[in-house]
Structure formats: structure tokens, C-alpha cells
Amino acid sequence: WNIGSAYGTVVVGGYIYAAITDTSIVRKVSLATGQAVLDITVGNDPRGLCYDGTYIWCANYGANGPVGTTVSKINVATDTVVATITVGTNPGFLEYDGSGYVWVACTTSTNVYKINTTTNAVTTIAMGQTSGCVAFDNRAYMYFGSAATTILKKVRITTNVVTGLLMPTVSYGICSASNFIWASNFNTKICRINRMNSRIVQVKIGRSPTRRPAFDGKRIWLP
């Protein structure tokens, strides 16, 4: 499929929505035909996407123009942007917590941002470091990795309390899989963190994963 330089993607119904970098477009593509059916105008240089069941949320990074500071909220029933919410600088990745909030990691801000999906109100949570990736453990915590430090931060979604975990390496991408959080980096190993006791195991893979891993229900996939 030739749909442009897609960065973040989400699947909704029979369509995949793709954030096209270096543009201001989220492209809607038919899964049946592989053809683009609609372009939705968002902010400059869209990156991460997530879906809360009603809305798609898009992080407008802004690498090739004014520094991005916004998240676009797209109603999938109409494929229109219904709100633009201001967060920190260079928002790159988002996660929905299943409880009415979207969490935003900003690569050049030392805060993370929690958006109420109903009211669009923003809560700012101080992290003390930048966040380059985010993953939800599907239970109680949102995890934030950083390419600038070996501290992995986790935030309890109900209280916003932040704690830190010392990692062997920096984290370029993280994902949740059952009882574990997996963190990749520019190294030949990937880290597996037990979410129950925070025990870390490094798994040698012989390659250098560059971005976020993905879990398909059985296996971890690495770009």
C-alpha cells in the first residue's frame, strides 16, 4: 500500500487511520482495498495515534515547522477534528487508559499530560525527565520510557503518583504484554519488566530494535 510516510496508525472498523509525517494529515485507508478514502487535516507533523472507542487522538509533533504543542481530537463518526488541545512541546506518543483519559508523552517536555476525553481538560504531571514512549499495563499504571535517561517512570492512573525504575539502558519504545512491560533500545537486547515485582530480564535478540515493540497476544514483534 502506498499511502505516504505513515508514523502512527490505528484500526477502526474497516479502516486504518495513519498519521502522515511531514504533513498535516491523518489519512483514512480502506482495509479492503488499500486505497485512501479521506484526508483529515490536523496539526503540523502528526506522529502518535490512539483510539478511545469514540475519538482518535493525534499527537502533532511539529518537527519541520513551528514546535508542536497540540493534540487533535477526531470524531470517527464524522471524521472531523472536534477539538485541538494544548499540551507540552513535541508531543509524540499517546495511550488511552480505558478509564476516560488519554496520556501524552512529549519528547522535549519534562511533564506528561493527561487529557479527560469528555471535557478535554488537561492535567499536567511532573516527571523530571523527557518521555519518548508510553505504554499502559491494562491494569493500573502508565509507563513512560526515555531516550535521555535509564529511568523508566510509571504513573498510577487513579492518583497520578509517579515512581521510577532503574533500567539497564535507555528506552526507545515500550509495550505491554500480559504481566510484562517490554522495552526496546538501540541495542542487541530487549528488556522485559515484570509489572508485579519490577524484576528486569534482558533478552538477547541479535538485532538493534529502533522503535516500539508490539504484542499480538502470543509474541512480541520488534521493528
Protein backbone atom coordinates (compact mmCIF):
# COMPACT_ATOMS: atom_id res chain seq x y z
CA TRP A 1 0.00 0.00 0.00
CA ASN A 2 1.42 3.38 -0.97
CA ILE A 3 -0.22 5.76 1.49
CA GLY A 4 2.71 8.04 2.39
CA SER A 5 5.15 8.10 5.29
CA ALA A 6 2.91 6.69 8.00
CA TYR A 7 4.12 7.09 11.59
CA GLY A 8 1.33 6.15 14.00
CA THR A 9 -1.66 4.03 12.98
CA VAL A 10 -4.92 2.82 14.50
CA VAL A 11 -7.53 0.44 13.10
CA VAL A 12 -11.19 1.42 13.48
CA GLY A 13 -13.80 -0.79 11.87
CA GLY A 14 -12.85 -1.48 8.27
CA TYR A 15 -10.31 1.32 8.08
CA ILE A 16 -6.79 2.11 9.19
CA TYR A 17 -6.02 5.70 10.11
CA ALA A 18 -2.41 6.75 9.52
CA ALA A 19 -0.57 9.86 10.70
CA ILE A 20 1.46 11.03 7.69
CA THR A 21 4.69 12.67 8.85
CA ASP A 22 5.90 15.97 7.39
CA THR A 23 2.30 16.86 6.54
CA SER A 24 -0.78 17.95 8.48
CA ILE A 25 -2.79 14.88 7.54
CA VAL A 26 -4.29 11.79 9.13
CA ARG A 27 -5.14 9.53 6.20
CA LYS A 28 -8.10 7.11 6.29
CA VAL A 29 -7.42 3.94 4.29
CA SER A 30 -9.80 1.12 3.42
CA LEU A 31 -8.57 -2.23 4.72
CA ALA A 32 -10.50 -3.95 1.95
CA THR A 33 -8.88 -2.09 -0.95
CA GLY A 34 -5.74 -0.48 0.46
CA GLN A 35 -6.88 2.82 -1.02
CA ALA A 36 -7.02 6.15 0.78
CA VAL A 37 -10.59 7.42 1.07
CA LEU A 38 -10.14 10.62 3.08
CA ASP A 39 -7.53 13.03 4.44
CA ILE A 40 -8.25 14.69 7.78
CA THR A 41 -6.39 17.93 8.48
CA VAL A 42 -4.72 18.02 11.90
CA GLY A 43 -1.66 19.84 13.26
CA ASN A 44 1.83 20.01 11.79
CA ASP A 45 3.76 16.72 11.54
CA PRO A 46 1.37 14.23 13.19
CA ARG A 47 3.00 11.26 14.94
CA GLY A 48 1.32 9.01 17.52
CA LEU A 49 -2.34 7.99 17.37
CA CYS A 50 -4.67 6.26 19.82
CA TYR A 51 -8.38 5.41 19.88
CA ASP A 52 -10.70 5.59 22.89
CA GLY A 53 -13.74 3.96 21.29
CA THR A 54 -15.26 7.23 20.10
CA TYR A 55 -12.39 9.52 19.19
CA ILE A 56 -8.99 9.19 17.56
CA TRP A 57 -6.33 11.29 19.26
CA CYS A 58 -3.36 12.58 17.26
CA ALA A 59 -0.08 14.00 18.61
CA ASN A 60 1.08 16.94 16.49
CA TYR A 61 4.86 16.80 16.86
CA GLY A 62 5.88 19.73 14.66
CA ALA A 63 9.41 18.71 13.62
CA ASN A 64 9.62 20.69 10.37
CA GLY A 65 8.00 23.96 11.34
CA PRO A 66 6.74 25.63 14.50
CA VAL A 67 7.30 23.43 17.55
CA GLY A 68 4.25 21.24 18.05
CA THR A 69 2.27 21.68 21.27
CA THR A 70 -1.14 20.22 20.44
CA VAL A 71 -3.22 17.07 20.25
CA SER A 72 -6.09 16.78 17.74
CA LYS A 73 -9.32 15.02 18.72
CA ILE A 74 -11.07 13.35 15.76
CA ASN A 75 -14.66 12.13 15.89
CA VAL A 76 -14.66 8.91 13.85
CA ALA A 77 -18.40 9.14 13.28
CA THR A 78 -17.84 12.24 11.14
CA ASP A 79 -14.07 12.06 10.51
CA THR A 80 -13.71 15.66 11.65
CA VAL A 81 -11.47 17.34 14.22
CA VAL A 82 -13.71 18.44 17.08
CA ALA A 83 -11.05 19.86 19.42
CA THR A 84 -7.40 20.88 19.50
CA ILE A 85 -5.85 20.57 22.96
CA THR A 86 -2.63 22.27 24.05
CA VAL A 87 -0.07 20.12 25.86
CA GLY A 88 3.75 20.28 26.12
CA THR A 89 6.37 20.63 23.41
CA ASN A 90 6.79 17.96 20.73
CA PRO A 91 4.01 15.52 21.69
CA GLY A 92 4.96 12.24 20.10
CA PHE A 93 3.04 9.32 21.60
CA LEU A 94 -0.33 8.74 23.25
CA GLU A 95 -2.13 5.97 25.12
CA TYR A 96 -5.73 5.57 26.27
CA ASP A 97 -6.12 4.17 29.78
CA GLY A 98 -9.62 2.70 29.41
CA SER A 99 -10.90 4.97 32.17
CA GLY A 100 -11.62 8.17 30.31
CA TYR A 101 -8.15 9.66 29.88
CA VAL A 102 -5.58 9.93 27.11
CA TRP A 103 -1.95 10.23 28.24
CA VAL A 104 0.56 12.20 26.17
CA ALA A 105 4.35 11.78 26.12
CA CYS A 106 6.23 14.86 24.92
CA THR A 107 9.80 14.30 23.80
CA THR A 108 11.09 17.75 24.81
CA SER A 109 8.96 18.37 27.91
CA THR A 110 9.67 17.09 31.41
CA ASN A 111 5.93 16.75 32.05
CA VAL A 112 3.36 14.29 30.79
CA TYR A 113 -0.22 15.30 30.09
CA LYS A 114 -3.46 13.56 30.97
CA ILE A 115 -6.50 14.59 28.88
CA ASN A 116 -10.06 13.99 30.01
CA THR A 117 -11.71 12.51 26.90
CA THR A 118 -15.11 14.02 27.76
CA THR A 119 -14.20 17.55 28.86
CA ASN A 120 -10.77 17.90 27.17
CA ALA A 121 -9.39 19.21 30.48
CA VAL A 122 -5.63 18.68 30.82
CA THR A 123 -3.78 17.57 33.96
CA THR A 124 -0.03 18.24 33.97
CA ILE A 125 2.13 15.67 35.77
CA ALA A 126 5.76 16.50 36.51
CA MET A 127 8.16 13.71 35.60
CA GLY A 128 11.57 15.36 35.94
CA GLN A 129 12.66 13.95 32.58
CA THR A 130 11.52 13.83 28.98
CA SER A 131 9.37 10.96 27.74
CA GLY A 132 9.85 9.37 24.35
CA CYS A 133 7.44 6.44 24.63
CA VAL A 134 4.41 5.32 26.62
CA ALA A 135 2.52 2.10 27.35
CA PHE A 136 -0.44 1.15 29.54
CA ASP A 137 -0.27 -2.09 31.52
CA ASN A 138 -4.06 -2.54 31.14
CA ARG A 139 -4.42 -2.51 34.90
CA ALA A 140 -3.25 0.40 37.00
CA TYR A 141 -0.14 2.08 35.60
CA MET A 142 1.00 4.10 32.64
CA TYR A 143 4.71 3.59 31.83
CA PHE A 144 6.94 6.23 30.24
CA GLY A 145 10.35 5.49 28.77
CA SER A 146 13.03 7.98 27.85
CA ALA A 147 15.84 8.08 25.31
CA ALA A 148 17.68 10.54 27.55
CA THR A 149 17.87 8.55 30.80
CA THR A 150 17.82 4.96 32.04
CA ILE A 151 14.96 5.71 34.45
CA LEU A 152 11.61 4.23 33.41
CA LYS A 153 8.78 6.15 35.06
CA LYS A 154 5.39 4.71 35.92
CA VAL A 155 2.30 6.69 36.94
CA ARG A 156 -0.67 5.26 38.81
CA ILE A 157 -3.62 6.31 36.66
CA THR A 158 -6.02 6.91 39.57
CA THR A 159 -3.72 9.05 41.73
CA ASN A 160 -1.09 10.42 39.28
CA VAL A 161 1.66 9.32 41.70
CA VAL A 162 4.98 8.89 39.88
CA THR A 163 7.64 6.29 40.71
CA GLY A 164 10.85 5.37 38.90
CA LEU A 165 12.58 2.15 37.93
CA LEU A 166 16.28 1.96 37.03
CA MET A 167 16.78 0.25 33.67
CA PRO A 168 19.95 -1.22 32.13
CA THR A 169 19.57 1.07 29.12
CA VAL A 170 17.51 3.94 27.79
CA SER A 171 14.13 3.10 26.25
CA TYR A 172 13.14 3.98 22.68
CA GLY A 173 9.91 2.00 22.65
CA ILE A 174 7.76 0.11 25.15
CA CYS A 175 4.68 -2.07 25.02
CA SER A 176 2.55 -4.06 27.45
CA ALA A 177 2.10 -7.83 27.21
CA SER A 178 0.19 -9.67 29.92
CA ASN A 179 2.21 -9.34 33.15
CA PHE A 180 5.19 -7.71 31.49
CA ILE A 181 6.36 -4.44 30.01
CA TRP A 182 8.84 -4.80 27.15
CA ALA A 183 11.34 -2.00 26.41
CA SER A 184 13.50 -1.75 23.29
CA ASN A 185 16.56 0.37 22.58
CA PHE A 186 19.42 0.67 20.08
CA ASN A 187 21.00 -2.47 21.47
CA THR A 188 21.01 -6.20 20.78
CA LYS A 189 18.85 -6.90 23.83
CA ILE A 190 15.29 -6.10 24.81
CA CYS A 191 14.26 -5.67 28.45
CA ARG A 192 11.32 -7.50 29.99
CA ILE A 193 9.97 -5.90 33.18
CA ASN A 194 7.74 -7.92 35.49
CA ARG A 195 5.00 -5.47 36.42
CA MET A 196 4.30 -7.32 39.70
CA ASN A 197 7.81 -7.19 41.23
CA SER A 198 9.73 -4.90 38.80
CA ARG A 199 12.28 -7.63 38.07
CA ILE A 200 14.11 -6.94 34.81
CA VAL A 201 15.35 -9.63 32.41
CA GLN A 202 17.36 -8.79 29.30
CA VAL A 203 16.65 -10.97 26.26
CA LYS A 204 19.30 -11.14 23.55
CA ILE A 205 17.87 -10.80 20.06
CA GLY A 206 20.95 -10.16 17.90
CA ARG A 207 19.46 -7.08 16.26
CA SER A 208 19.00 -3.43 17.14
CA PRO A 209 15.30 -2.66 17.56
CA THR A 210 14.68 1.00 16.91
CA ARG A 211 11.13 1.71 17.88
CA ARG A 212 8.14 0.45 19.79
CA PRO A 213 7.64 -3.31 20.06
CA ALA A 214 4.16 -4.76 19.56
CA PHE A 215 2.32 -7.67 21.19
CA ASP A 216 -0.08 -9.84 19.14
CA GLY A 217 -1.43 -11.88 22.04
CA LYS A 218 1.32 -14.50 21.82
CA ARG A 219 4.54 -12.91 20.58
CA ILE A 220 6.49 -9.68 20.79
CA TRP A 221 7.33 -8.11 17.43
CA LEU A 222 10.26 -5.73 17.03
CA PRO A 223 10.92 -3.18 14.27
